[in-house]
């Protein structure tokens, strides 16, 4: 051994890359990033990959600090007692500290027929497969997008802008996070693009077949291609490794993002559940949590107290094709304000958010420790009131 502190980061998304880059500010730390793909996936742009307006991938040499060792493999297990992780294609890798940043992916599709006939979009491979299916389909094919969160809205708009016939099945309200004023604006834009929005009671999907989508209210919609965006799940690596998780499978941690089972394991991103009160899934939160997880590890190495996590959500943005979008401004408690920006301004702000999500990683690679974000005391008030 070199005498250096070995940190292994599992997962190479926004959280994992940010954490790995930030750790390189100490010369006495070695950082290994393990990720199943050889390229960084910009999850924010997977709907654009399906629509053909962006590749949604970057070479890791563009976003990862030079000292970080990249291992392209999947981790099959974590042995907390031995402080090792086991890649699918190799020998166990030892660590002094582990950052668990496995992210999120497609959730289990329990609706009858959904696993067989609906196409997910939550991963690069799924989006690539869907792109091929859409490209091979005739222009008259009926596409049905299930789920009216940001991913569903963005996918429906992207495909409609390409001239496709698209129905968006909400399973409830359109854009649940949006303020009702912004929701009306989104509905008008989708209608202008030709998207048929099915929302309200009885619009949850009850069954998917190869040619239709049946709703709980009894309505049956013709569907040549069904796209599933209703929910995200997290990998079960933590649970399989004997670490405690919340009901959704996220690693349970304290407020410093340290596992409740092992102070050598720190979590970040979508797969973390600090105090069993996870933050909203987003690339923005993932980057902040990745930086905070790295700081927690650096504090432990230095023998100084780690700080509680604090992230202020200022907005949530949704693209509505390439020429319009909504930038929904948020209150301190992460609820939607009446204030939002739409149209061209919304599109520009959304594009800037996508660009900055990657630029922040690049900046941290070049100057480790430089990433800063807005903090918020609302979380601690909520925890204190429990």
Protein backbone atom coordinates (compact mmCIF):
# COMPACT_ATOMS: atom_id res chain seq x y z
CA UNK A 1 0.00 0.00 0.00
CA UNK A 2 1.13 3.55 -0.71
CA UNK A 3 0.08 4.85 2.71
CA UNK A 4 -2.53 7.03 1.02
CA UNK A 5 -6.21 6.97 1.92
CA UNK A 6 -8.13 4.98 -0.67
CA UNK A 7 -11.61 6.25 -1.58
CA UNK A 8 -13.84 4.28 -3.94
CA UNK A 9 -16.81 5.99 -5.56
CA UNK A 10 -19.50 3.64 -6.86
CA UNK A 11 -21.44 5.32 -9.64
CA UNK A 12 -20.31 7.82 -12.27
CA UNK A 13 -23.31 10.13 -12.61
CA UNK A 14 -23.61 13.74 -11.48
CA UNK A 15 -23.12 12.87 -7.79
CA UNK A 16 -20.32 10.36 -8.27
CA UNK A 17 -18.25 12.49 -10.65
CA UNK A 18 -18.63 15.59 -8.46
CA UNK A 19 -17.55 13.62 -5.39
CA UNK A 20 -14.59 12.01 -7.15
CA UNK A 21 -13.36 15.33 -8.55
CA UNK A 22 -13.68 17.09 -5.19
CA UNK A 23 -11.69 14.41 -3.39
CA UNK A 24 -8.62 15.09 -5.53
CA UNK A 25 -7.86 18.30 -3.62
CA UNK A 26 -5.81 16.14 -1.23
CA UNK A 27 -2.60 14.60 -2.57
CA UNK A 28 -2.68 11.85 0.04
CA UNK A 29 -5.97 10.44 -1.26
CA UNK A 30 -6.38 7.99 -4.15
CA UNK A 31 -9.77 8.03 -5.88
CA UNK A 32 -11.24 5.16 -7.88
CA UNK A 33 -14.53 5.67 -9.72
CA UNK A 34 -16.40 2.50 -10.70
CA UNK A 35 -19.12 2.88 -13.32
CA UNK A 36 -20.72 0.37 -15.71
CA UNK A 37 -20.35 2.66 -18.75
CA UNK A 38 -17.20 4.16 -20.31
CA UNK A 39 -18.92 7.52 -20.90
CA UNK A 40 -20.71 10.06 -18.70
CA UNK A 41 -24.47 10.14 -19.26
CA UNK A 42 -26.22 13.51 -19.07
CA UNK A 43 -29.50 12.15 -17.72
CA UNK A 44 -31.13 15.56 -18.16
CA UNK A 45 -30.89 15.08 -21.93
CA UNK A 46 -32.08 11.51 -22.45
CA UNK A 47 -35.40 12.76 -23.86
CA UNK A 48 -33.33 14.72 -26.40
CA UNK A 49 -31.48 11.56 -27.36
CA UNK A 50 -34.83 9.93 -28.09
CA UNK A 51 -35.87 12.96 -30.15
CA UNK A 52 -32.52 13.17 -31.93
CA UNK A 53 -31.46 16.64 -30.74
CA UNK A 54 -28.58 15.65 -28.41
CA UNK A 55 -26.28 12.65 -27.91
CA UNK A 56 -26.62 12.90 -24.08
CA UNK A 57 -23.12 11.49 -23.44
CA UNK A 58 -19.69 12.99 -22.75
CA UNK A 59 -16.26 11.40 -22.69
CA UNK A 60 -15.13 11.01 -19.08
CA UNK A 61 -11.93 12.83 -20.03
CA UNK A 62 -14.11 15.94 -20.38
CA UNK A 63 -15.63 15.80 -16.88
CA UNK A 64 -13.39 13.68 -14.66
CA UNK A 65 -10.28 14.96 -12.87
CA UNK A 66 -7.07 13.42 -14.24
CA UNK A 67 -5.95 11.77 -10.96
CA UNK A 68 -9.20 9.74 -10.71
CA UNK A 69 -8.86 6.09 -11.78
CA UNK A 70 -11.90 5.03 -13.85
CA UNK A 71 -12.89 1.35 -13.65
CA UNK A 72 -15.57 0.41 -16.17
CA UNK A 73 -17.55 -2.31 -14.44
CA UNK A 74 -20.60 -2.95 -12.28
CA UNK A 75 -20.27 -3.47 -8.54
CA UNK A 76 -22.03 -6.65 -7.45
CA UNK A 77 -21.52 -6.38 -3.69
CA UNK A 78 -20.14 -4.26 -0.86
CA UNK A 79 -18.42 -5.96 2.08
CA UNK A 80 -18.49 -3.30 4.79
CA UNK A 81 -16.62 -5.46 7.31
CA UNK A 82 -13.75 -6.13 4.91
CA UNK A 83 -14.02 -2.67 3.33
CA UNK A 84 -14.12 -4.02 -0.19
CA UNK A 85 -16.34 -3.76 -3.23
CA UNK A 86 -16.50 -6.54 -5.78
CA UNK A 87 -16.80 -5.64 -9.49
CA UNK A 88 -18.55 -8.11 -11.77
CA UNK A 89 -15.43 -8.63 -13.84
CA UNK A 90 -12.61 -8.55 -11.32
CA UNK A 91 -11.17 -9.03 -7.87
CA UNK A 92 -12.42 -7.15 -4.80
CA UNK A 93 -11.19 -3.56 -4.50
CA UNK A 94 -10.26 -2.33 -1.04
CA UNK A 95 -11.29 1.06 0.28
CA UNK A 96 -10.76 3.19 3.36
CA UNK A 97 -13.90 5.17 2.50
CA UNK A 98 -16.70 4.40 0.09
CA UNK A 99 -19.02 6.93 -1.58
CA UNK A 100 -22.26 5.28 -2.62
CA UNK A 101 -23.59 7.18 -5.65
CA UNK A 102 -25.38 4.55 -7.72
CA UNK A 103 -28.14 6.94 -8.84
CA UNK A 104 -31.57 5.91 -10.05
CA UNK A 105 -33.01 4.08 -13.03
CA UNK A 106 -36.27 2.64 -14.29
CA UNK A 107 -38.63 1.50 -11.57
CA UNK A 108 -40.27 -1.90 -11.62
CA UNK A 109 -43.29 -1.68 -13.90
CA UNK A 110 -46.01 -3.56 -12.01
CA UNK A 111 -48.88 -2.59 -14.32
CA UNK A 112 -49.94 -5.63 -16.37
CA UNK A 113 -48.16 -5.65 -19.72
CA UNK A 114 -45.95 -2.64 -18.94
CA UNK A 115 -42.73 -4.62 -18.47
CA UNK A 116 -43.34 -6.44 -21.74
CA UNK A 117 -44.71 -3.73 -24.02
CA UNK A 118 -43.71 -0.30 -22.59
CA UNK A 119 -40.34 1.31 -23.29
CA UNK A 120 -38.49 2.96 -20.37
CA UNK A 121 -36.22 5.97 -20.83
CA UNK A 122 -34.40 6.27 -17.50
CA UNK A 123 -31.03 4.90 -18.67
CA UNK A 124 -28.79 5.51 -21.68
CA UNK A 125 -29.36 2.02 -23.03
CA UNK A 126 -33.13 2.29 -22.66
CA UNK A 127 -33.19 5.67 -24.39
CA UNK A 128 -31.03 4.33 -27.23
CA UNK A 129 -33.36 1.37 -27.72
CA UNK A 130 -36.38 3.64 -27.74
CA UNK A 131 -34.71 5.95 -30.25
CA UNK A 132 -34.20 2.99 -32.59
CA UNK A 133 -37.83 1.91 -32.19
CA UNK A 134 -39.13 5.42 -32.91
CA UNK A 135 -36.85 5.84 -35.92
CA UNK A 136 -38.06 2.56 -37.38
CA UNK A 137 -41.74 3.42 -36.91
CA UNK A 138 -43.78 5.13 -39.64
CA UNK A 139 -44.60 8.80 -39.17
CA UNK A 140 -48.25 7.88 -38.64
CA UNK A 141 -47.46 5.67 -35.62
CA UNK A 142 -49.32 6.57 -32.44
CA UNK A 143 -46.97 7.19 -29.50
CA UNK A 144 -48.23 7.17 -25.91
CA UNK A 145 -46.11 8.62 -23.10
CA UNK A 146 -47.11 7.45 -19.62
CA UNK A 147 -46.26 9.79 -16.76
CA UNK A 148 -46.57 13.58 -16.56
CA UNK A 149 -43.59 14.50 -14.45
CA UNK A 150 -40.72 16.43 -16.08
CA UNK A 151 -39.44 13.39 -18.02
CA UNK A 152 -42.84 12.55 -19.45
CA UNK A 153 -43.64 16.12 -20.41
CA UNK A 154 -40.22 16.64 -22.00
CA UNK A 155 -40.34 13.36 -23.93
CA UNK A 156 -43.83 14.01 -25.24
CA UNK A 157 -42.89 17.53 -26.36
CA UNK A 158 -39.64 16.41 -27.96
CA UNK A 159 -41.35 13.69 -29.99
CA UNK A 160 -44.28 15.91 -30.99
CA UNK A 161 -41.88 18.57 -32.19
CA UNK A 162 -40.45 15.95 -34.56
CA UNK A 163 -43.91 15.62 -36.13
CA UNK A 164 -44.92 12.50 -34.21
CA UNK A 165 -48.48 11.78 -33.05
CA UNK A 166 -48.22 11.81 -29.25
CA UNK A 167 -50.63 11.23 -26.38
CA UNK A 168 -49.49 12.05 -22.83
CA UNK A 169 -51.23 10.02 -20.13
CA UNK A 170 -50.85 11.81 -16.81
CA UNK A 171 -52.30 9.42 -14.27
CA UNK A 172 -53.45 12.52 -12.40
CA UNK A 173 -52.53 16.16 -12.97
CA UNK A 174 -50.11 17.44 -15.56
CA UNK A 175 -46.79 18.44 -13.98
CA UNK A 176 -47.69 17.88 -10.30
CA UNK A 177 -44.85 20.08 -9.05
CA UNK A 178 -45.80 23.08 -11.18
CA UNK A 179 -47.91 25.97 -9.93
CA UNK A 180 -51.37 25.81 -11.49
CA UNK A 181 -50.58 28.88 -13.63
CA UNK A 182 -47.45 27.25 -15.02
CA UNK A 183 -49.39 24.02 -15.50
CA UNK A 184 -51.90 25.83 -17.72
CA UNK A 185 -49.05 27.32 -19.74
CA UNK A 186 -47.51 23.87 -20.20
CA UNK A 187 -50.85 22.45 -21.33
CA UNK A 188 -51.24 25.21 -23.93
CA UNK A 189 -47.75 24.62 -25.30
CA UNK A 190 -48.29 20.86 -25.51
CA UNK A 191 -51.58 21.43 -27.32
CA UNK A 192 -49.80 23.72 -29.78
CA UNK A 193 -47.31 20.94 -30.46
CA UNK A 194 -50.19 18.56 -31.10
CA UNK A 195 -49.86 16.49 -27.92
CA UNK A 196 -53.13 15.05 -26.66
CA UNK A 197 -53.02 15.35 -22.86
CA UNK A 198 -55.12 12.84 -20.89
CA UNK A 199 -55.29 13.99 -17.27
CA UNK A 200 -57.57 13.96 -14.26
CA UNK A 201 -59.33 11.12 -12.39
CA UNK A 202 -59.31 7.67 -13.94
CA UNK A 203 -56.20 8.29 -16.03
CA UNK A 204 -53.86 5.89 -14.26
CA UNK A 205 -52.75 3.11 -16.59
CA UNK A 206 -54.34 -0.26 -15.82
CA UNK A 207 -52.87 -2.34 -18.64
CA UNK A 208 -50.48 -2.07 -21.58
CA UNK A 209 -50.65 -4.26 -24.67
CA UNK A 210 -48.70 -4.26 -27.90
CA UNK A 211 -51.33 -2.04 -29.50
CA UNK A 212 -53.05 -0.10 -26.74
CA UNK A 213 -53.03 1.46 -23.29
CA UNK A 214 -56.05 0.84 -21.07
CA UNK A 215 -56.83 3.37 -18.34
CA UNK A 216 -58.28 2.72 -14.90
CA UNK A 217 -61.43 4.59 -15.91
CA UNK A 218 -62.01 2.07 -18.70
CA UNK A 219 -60.85 4.13 -21.67
CA UNK A 220 -58.61 2.33 -24.16
CA UNK A 221 -56.09 4.32 -26.19
CA UNK A 222 -54.49 3.00 -29.39
CA UNK A 223 -50.71 2.92 -28.98
CA UNK A 224 -48.12 1.61 -31.42
CA UNK A 225 -45.26 2.67 -29.12
CA UNK A 226 -45.73 3.16 -25.37
CA UNK A 227 -43.09 5.11 -23.46
CA UNK A 228 -42.95 4.60 -19.67
CA UNK A 229 -41.73 7.54 -17.56
CA UNK A 230 -43.86 6.96 -14.45
CA UNK A 231 -41.38 6.90 -11.60
CA UNK A 232 -37.77 6.04 -10.93
CA UNK A 233 -36.23 3.33 -8.76
CA UNK A 234 -32.78 2.87 -7.26
CA UNK A 235 -30.45 -0.14 -7.59
CA UNK A 236 -30.68 -2.68 -4.76
CA UNK A 237 -26.90 -2.87 -4.20
CA UNK A 238 -27.10 -1.45 -0.65
CA UNK A 239 -29.86 -3.82 0.44
CA UNK A 240 -28.13 -6.82 -1.14
CA UNK A 241 -24.97 -5.85 0.73
CA UNK A 242 -26.72 -5.90 4.11
CA UNK A 243 -26.90 -2.11 4.54
CA UNK A 244 -30.07 -0.51 5.83
CA UNK A 245 -32.23 1.32 3.31
CA UNK A 246 -35.51 3.19 3.21
CA UNK A 247 -38.66 1.68 1.69
CA UNK A 248 -37.54 2.71 -1.81
CA UNK A 249 -34.08 1.12 -1.46
CA UNK A 250 -32.08 4.31 -0.83
CA UNK A 251 -29.17 4.00 1.59
CA UNK A 252 -30.16 5.31 5.02
CA UNK A 253 -27.73 7.92 6.33
CA UNK A 254 -27.44 10.59 8.98
CA UNK A 255 -27.44 14.28 8.06
CA UNK A 256 -23.74 14.19 7.11
CA UNK A 257 -24.68 11.57 4.48
CA UNK A 258 -22.88 8.84 6.46
CA UNK A 259 -24.45 5.37 6.46
CA UNK A 260 -26.28 4.56 9.69
CA UNK A 261 -24.47 1.19 9.61
CA UNK A 262 -20.88 2.19 8.83
CA UNK A 263 -19.05 5.51 9.20
CA UNK A 264 -16.74 4.56 6.33
CA UNK A 265 -19.63 4.60 3.84
CA UNK A 266 -21.07 7.92 2.66
CA UNK A 267 -23.94 8.31 0.19
CA UNK A 268 -24.81 10.91 -2.42
CA UNK A 269 -27.42 11.57 -5.07
CA UNK A 270 -30.71 9.83 -5.81
CA UNK A 271 -29.79 6.66 -3.85
CA UNK A 272 -29.26 8.47 -0.53
CA UNK A 273 -31.86 8.96 2.21
CA UNK A 274 -30.48 11.26 4.92
CA UNK A 275 -32.56 10.91 8.11
CA UNK A 276 -35.05 8.93 6.01
CA UNK A 277 -35.99 12.26 4.41
CA UNK A 278 -34.48 12.14 0.90
CA UNK A 279 -34.07 15.28 -1.16
CA UNK A 280 -35.89 15.74 -4.45
CA UNK A 281 -34.28 13.68 -7.22
CA UNK A 282 -32.49 16.01 -9.62
CA UNK A 283 -29.13 16.58 -11.27
CA UNK A 284 -28.77 19.76 -9.25
CA UNK A 285 -29.27 17.98 -5.94
CA UNK A 286 -27.00 15.14 -7.06
CA UNK A 287 -24.12 17.54 -7.73
CA UNK A 288 -24.59 19.26 -4.37
CA UNK A 289 -24.86 15.97 -2.50
CA UNK A 290 -21.81 14.60 -4.31
CA UNK A 291 -19.79 17.61 -3.19
CA UNK A 292 -21.12 17.29 0.37
CA UNK A 293 -20.33 13.57 0.50
CA UNK A 294 -16.76 14.30 -0.56
CA UNK A 295 -16.51 17.00 2.11
CA UNK A 296 -17.73 14.53 4.74
CA UNK A 297 -15.00 12.07 3.77
CA UNK A 298 -12.37 14.82 3.74
CA UNK A 299 -13.48 15.91 7.21
CA UNK A 300 -13.14 12.33 8.46
CA UNK A 301 -9.64 12.06 7.02
CA UNK A 302 -8.67 15.38 8.60
CA UNK A 303 -10.23 14.40 11.93
CA UNK A 304 -12.65 17.34 11.93
CA UNK A 305 -16.45 17.27 12.41
CA UNK A 306 -18.54 16.73 9.28
CA UNK A 307 -21.41 19.15 8.70
CA UNK A 308 -25.10 18.40 8.10
CA UNK A 309 -26.32 18.52 4.52
CA UNK A 310 -28.05 21.68 3.33
CA UNK A 311 -29.34 22.36 -0.18
CA UNK A 312 -31.63 25.17 -1.30
CA UNK A 313 -33.85 24.32 -4.26
CA UNK A 314 -34.49 27.52 -6.19
CA UNK A 315 -36.43 26.18 -9.17
CA UNK A 316 -37.50 23.26 -11.29
CA UNK A 317 -37.30 23.54 -15.07
CA UNK A 318 -39.01 21.62 -17.85
CA UNK A 319 -38.34 21.81 -21.57
CA UNK A 320 -41.28 21.89 -23.97
CA UNK A 321 -39.40 21.07 -27.13
CA UNK A 322 -36.41 23.04 -28.36
CA UNK A 323 -38.13 26.43 -28.46
CA UNK A 324 -40.09 26.68 -25.22
CA UNK A 325 -39.88 25.65 -21.61
CA UNK A 326 -40.94 26.46 -18.07
CA UNK A 327 -38.62 27.61 -15.31
CA UNK A 328 -40.69 27.21 -12.15
CA UNK A 329 -39.35 29.31 -9.26
CA UNK A 330 -39.57 27.64 -5.84
CA UNK A 331 -40.15 28.71 -2.24
CA UNK A 332 -37.59 27.82 0.42
CA UNK A 333 -39.61 24.70 1.27
CA UNK A 334 -39.30 23.56 -2.39
CA UNK A 335 -42.94 24.27 -3.25
CA UNK A 336 -43.82 26.13 -6.43
CA UNK A 337 -44.28 29.91 -6.43
CA UNK A 338 -46.69 31.73 -8.69
CA UNK A 339 -43.60 33.09 -10.43
CA UNK A 340 -42.31 31.20 -13.45
CA UNK A 341 -40.69 31.91 -16.80
CA UNK A 342 -42.08 30.35 -19.96
CA UNK A 343 -41.66 30.33 -23.72
CA UNK A 344 -38.26 31.29 -25.11
CA UNK A 345 -37.02 32.49 -21.70
CA UNK A 346 -38.03 29.18 -20.11
CA UNK A 347 -36.23 27.27 -22.85
CA UNK A 348 -33.04 29.31 -22.42
CA UNK A 349 -33.06 28.86 -18.64
CA UNK A 350 -33.63 25.11 -19.02
CA UNK A 351 -30.76 24.85 -21.50
CA UNK A 352 -28.51 26.82 -19.18
CA UNK A 353 -29.39 24.42 -16.36
CA UNK A 354 -28.45 21.45 -18.52
CA UNK A 355 -25.18 23.07 -19.54
CA UNK A 356 -24.27 24.10 -16.00
CA UNK A 357 -24.91 20.60 -14.66
CA UNK A 358 -21.91 19.47 -16.72
CA UNK A 359 -19.86 22.68 -16.46
CA UNK A 360 -19.90 22.40 -12.66
CA UNK A 361 -18.28 18.97 -12.96
CA UNK A 362 -15.64 20.29 -15.33
CA UNK A 363 -14.91 23.25 -13.05
CA UNK A 364 -14.53 20.95 -10.03
CA UNK A 365 -12.16 18.70 -12.01
CA UNK A 366 -9.97 21.68 -12.83
CA UNK A 367 -10.15 23.26 -9.36
CA UNK A 368 -11.17 20.69 -6.73
CA UNK A 369 -13.11 22.18 -3.83
CA UNK A 370 -14.39 25.14 -5.82
CA UNK A 371 -18.04 24.09 -6.19
CA UNK A 372 -20.44 26.15 -4.09
CA UNK A 373 -24.21 25.99 -3.72
CA UNK A 374 -27.02 27.74 -1.87
CA UNK A 375 -27.86 26.44 1.61
CA UNK A 376 -31.23 26.25 3.38
CA UNK A 377 -32.23 25.91 7.05
CA UNK A 378 -35.74 24.64 6.23
CA UNK A 379 -34.66 21.00 6.33
CA UNK A 380 -33.32 21.24 9.87
CA UNK A 381 -36.58 22.87 10.99
CA UNK A 382 -38.56 19.99 9.48
CA UNK A 383 -36.35 17.44 11.20
CA UNK A 384 -36.60 19.25 14.53
CA UNK A 385 -40.41 19.21 14.29
CA UNK A 386 -40.60 15.44 13.88
